[in-house]
C-alpha atoms as a PDB file:
ATOM      1  CA  MET A   1      82.512 135.619  58.920  1.00  0.00           C
ATOM      2  CA  ALA A   2      84.124 133.773  56.018  1.00  0.00           C
ATOM      3  CA  THR A   3      81.274 131.505  54.923  1.00  0.00           C
ATOM      4  CA  LYS A   4      78.589 132.277  52.364  1.00  0.00           C
ATOM      5  CA  HIS A   5      76.137 129.522  53.249  1.00  0.00           C
ATOM      6  CA  ALA A   6      72.858 130.998  54.398  1.00  0.00           C
ATOM      7  CA  SER A   7      72.304 128.272  56.975  1.00  0.00           C
ATOM      8  CA  ALA A   8      75.730 128.871  58.524  1.00  0.00           C
ATOM      9  CA  ILE A   9      75.108 132.613  58.675  1.00  0.00           C
ATOM     10  CA  LYS A  10      71.703 132.081  60.293  1.00  0.00           C
ATOM     11  CA  SER A  11      73.135 129.564  62.757  1.00  0.00           C
ATOM     12  CA  HIS A  12      75.879 131.999  63.718  1.00  0.00           C
ATOM     13  CA  LYS A  13      73.341 134.787  64.324  1.00  0.00           C
ATOM     14  CA  GLN A  14      71.258 132.455  66.479  1.00  0.00           C
ATOM     15  CA  SER A  15      74.275 131.386  68.513  1.00  0.00           C
ATOM     16  CA  LEU A  16      75.196 135.011  69.206  1.00  0.00           C
ATOM     17  CA  LYS A  17      71.639 135.810  70.283  1.00  0.00           C
ATOM     18  CA  ASN A  18      71.428 132.726  72.509  1.00  0.00           C
ATOM     19  CA  ARG A  19      74.833 133.413  74.053  1.00  0.00           C
ATOM     20  CA  GLU A  20      73.768 136.942  75.007  1.00  0.00           C
ATOM     21  CA  ARG A  21      70.451 135.738  76.444  1.00  0.00           C
ATOM     22  CA  ASN A  22      72.171 133.006  78.476  1.00  0.00           C
ATOM     23  CA  ARG A  23      74.779 135.499  79.704  1.00  0.00           C
ATOM     24  CA  GLN A  24      72.039 137.786  80.987  1.00  0.00           C
ATOM     25  CA  PHE A  25      70.267 134.902  82.723  1.00  0.00           C
ATOM     26  CA  ARG A  26      73.483 133.796  84.432  1.00  0.00           C
ATOM     27  CA  ALA A  27      74.233 137.356  85.545  1.00  0.00           C
ATOM     28  CA  ARG A  28      70.703 137.622  86.959  1.00  0.00           C
ATOM     29  CA  LEU A  29      71.156 134.327  88.811  1.00  0.00           C
ATOM     30  CA  ARG A  30      74.477 135.457  90.288  1.00  0.00           C
ATOM     31  CA  GLY A  31      72.888 138.673  91.529  1.00  0.00           C
ATOM     32  CA  VAL A  32      69.948 136.862  93.108  1.00  0.00           C
ATOM     33  CA  LEU A  33      72.217 134.308  94.796  1.00  0.00           C
ATOM     34  CA  LYS A  34      74.451 137.079  96.130  1.00  0.00           C
ATOM     35  CA  SER A  35      71.506 139.022  97.553  1.00  0.00           C
ATOM     36  CA  ILE A  36      69.986 135.992  99.294  1.00  0.00           C
ATOM     37  CA  ARG A  37      73.375 134.973 100.724  1.00  0.00           C
ATOM     38  CA  THR A  38      73.849 138.524 102.008  1.00  0.00           C
ATOM     39  CA  ALA A  39      70.419 138.384 103.644  1.00  0.00           C
ATOM     40  CA  ILE A  40      71.283 135.074 105.317  1.00  0.00           C
ATOM     41  CA  ASP A  41      74.649 136.358 106.561  1.00  0.00           C
ATOM     42  CA  GLY A  42      73.032 139.566 107.796  1.00  0.00           C
ATOM     43  CA  ASN A  43      70.497 137.571 109.849  1.00  0.00           C
ATOM     44  CA  ASP A  44      67.564 138.853 107.762  1.00  0.00           C
ATOM     45  CA  LEU A  45      65.890 135.448 107.856  1.00  0.00           C
ATOM     46  CA  THR A  46      62.383 136.665 106.982  1.00  0.00           C
ATOM     47  CA  GLY A  47      63.716 138.401 103.868  1.00  0.00           C
ATOM     48  CA  ALA A  48      65.816 135.374 102.983  1.00  0.00           C
ATOM     49  CA  ARG A  49      62.860 132.989 103.328  1.00  0.00           C
ATOM     50  CA  SER A  50      60.662 135.143 101.112  1.00  0.00           C
ATOM     51  CA  ALA A  51      63.448 135.495  98.527  1.00  0.00           C
ATOM     52  CA  LEU A  52      64.122 131.754  98.615  1.00  0.00           C
ATOM     53  CA  LYS A  53      60.875 130.874  96.839  1.00  0.00           C
ATOM     54  CA  GLN A  54      61.577 133.246  93.924  1.00  0.00           C
ATOM     55  CA  THR A  55      65.217 132.169  93.776  1.00  0.00           C
ATOM     56  CA  ILE A  56      64.297 128.492  93.578  1.00  0.00           C
ATOM     57  CA  SER A  57      61.816 129.293  90.823  1.00  0.00           C
ATOM     58  CA  LEU A  58      64.509 131.109  88.835  1.00  0.00           C
ATOM     59  CA  ILE A  59      67.001 128.280  89.365  1.00  0.00           C
ATOM     60  CA  ASP A  60      64.456 125.705  88.154  1.00  0.00           C
ATOM     61  CA  LYS A  61      63.646 127.769  85.049  1.00  0.00           C
ATOM     62  CA  MET A  62      67.311 128.042  84.178  1.00  0.00           C
ATOM     63  CA  ALA A  63      67.873 124.322  84.637  1.00  0.00           C
ATOM     64  CA  THR A  64      64.855 123.577  82.424  1.00  0.00           C
ATOM     65  CA  LYS A  65      66.168 125.855  79.684  1.00  0.00           C
ATOM     66  CA  GLY A  66      69.601 124.232  79.896  1.00  0.00           C
ATOM     67  CA  ILE A  67      71.421 127.379  80.982  1.00  0.00           C
ATOM     68  CA  ILE A  68      72.719 125.620  84.081  1.00  0.00           C
ATOM     69  CA  HIS A  69      72.992 121.895  84.681  1.00  0.00           C
ATOM     70  CA  ARG A  70      70.230 120.247  86.699  1.00  0.00           C
ATOM     71  CA  ASN A  71      72.734 118.972  89.261  1.00  0.00           C
ATOM     72  CA  ALA A  72      74.079 122.500  89.707  1.00  0.00           C
ATOM     73  CA  ALA A  73      70.506 123.708  90.195  1.00  0.00           C
ATOM     74  CA  GLY A  74      69.924 121.083  92.866  1.00  0.00           C
ATOM     75  CA  ARG A  75      73.176 121.998  94.554  1.00  0.00           C
ATOM     76  CA  TYR A  76      72.259 125.722  94.665  1.00  0.00           C
ATOM     77  CA  LYS A  77      68.819 124.991  96.102  1.00  0.00           C
ATOM     78  CA  SER A  78      70.133 122.515  98.663  1.00  0.00           C
ATOM     79  CA  ARG A  79      72.883 124.796  99.929  1.00  0.00           C
ATOM     80  CA  LEU A  80      70.555 127.789 100.235  1.00  0.00           C
ATOM     81  CA  THR A  81      67.894 125.888 102.168  1.00  0.00           C
ATOM     82  CA  THR A  82      70.551 124.312 104.392  1.00  0.00           C
ATOM     83  CA  ARG A  83      72.059 127.720 105.219  1.00  0.00           C
ATOM     84  CA  ILE A  84      68.664 129.193 106.037  1.00  0.00           C
ATOM     85  CA  ALA A  85      67.762 126.200 108.208  1.00  0.00           C
ATOM     86  CA  ALA A  86      71.071 126.398 110.078  1.00  0.00           C
ATOM     87  CA  LYS A  87      70.620 130.120 110.761  1.00  0.00           C
ATOM     88  CA  SER A  88      67.035 129.556 111.890  1.00  0.00           C
ATOM     89  CA  LYS A  89      68.135 126.825 114.258  1.00  0.00           C
ATOM     90  CA  ALA A  90      70.919 128.995 115.718  1.00  0.00           C
ATOM     91  CA  ALA A  91      68.624 131.981 116.215  1.00  0.00           C
END
């Protein structure tokens, strides 16, 4: 880094730390979404329903922290519940 200002150095360190934390949260979200979608597609509706509550909680936490946008959070939750409801209705 080319700057010598202490505040700029501190800010840069914080941004690196926050970027890594947010990256881990997003990776965790992707994994959870993939597993619940797999459960829905594999007709494991009881597993999907139990995972839905924890998934929605994680999505809400991430939206609150600003890692994902609140509209994206709503979209994820809506699509998951809709898919589970459609599978339940078909079964």
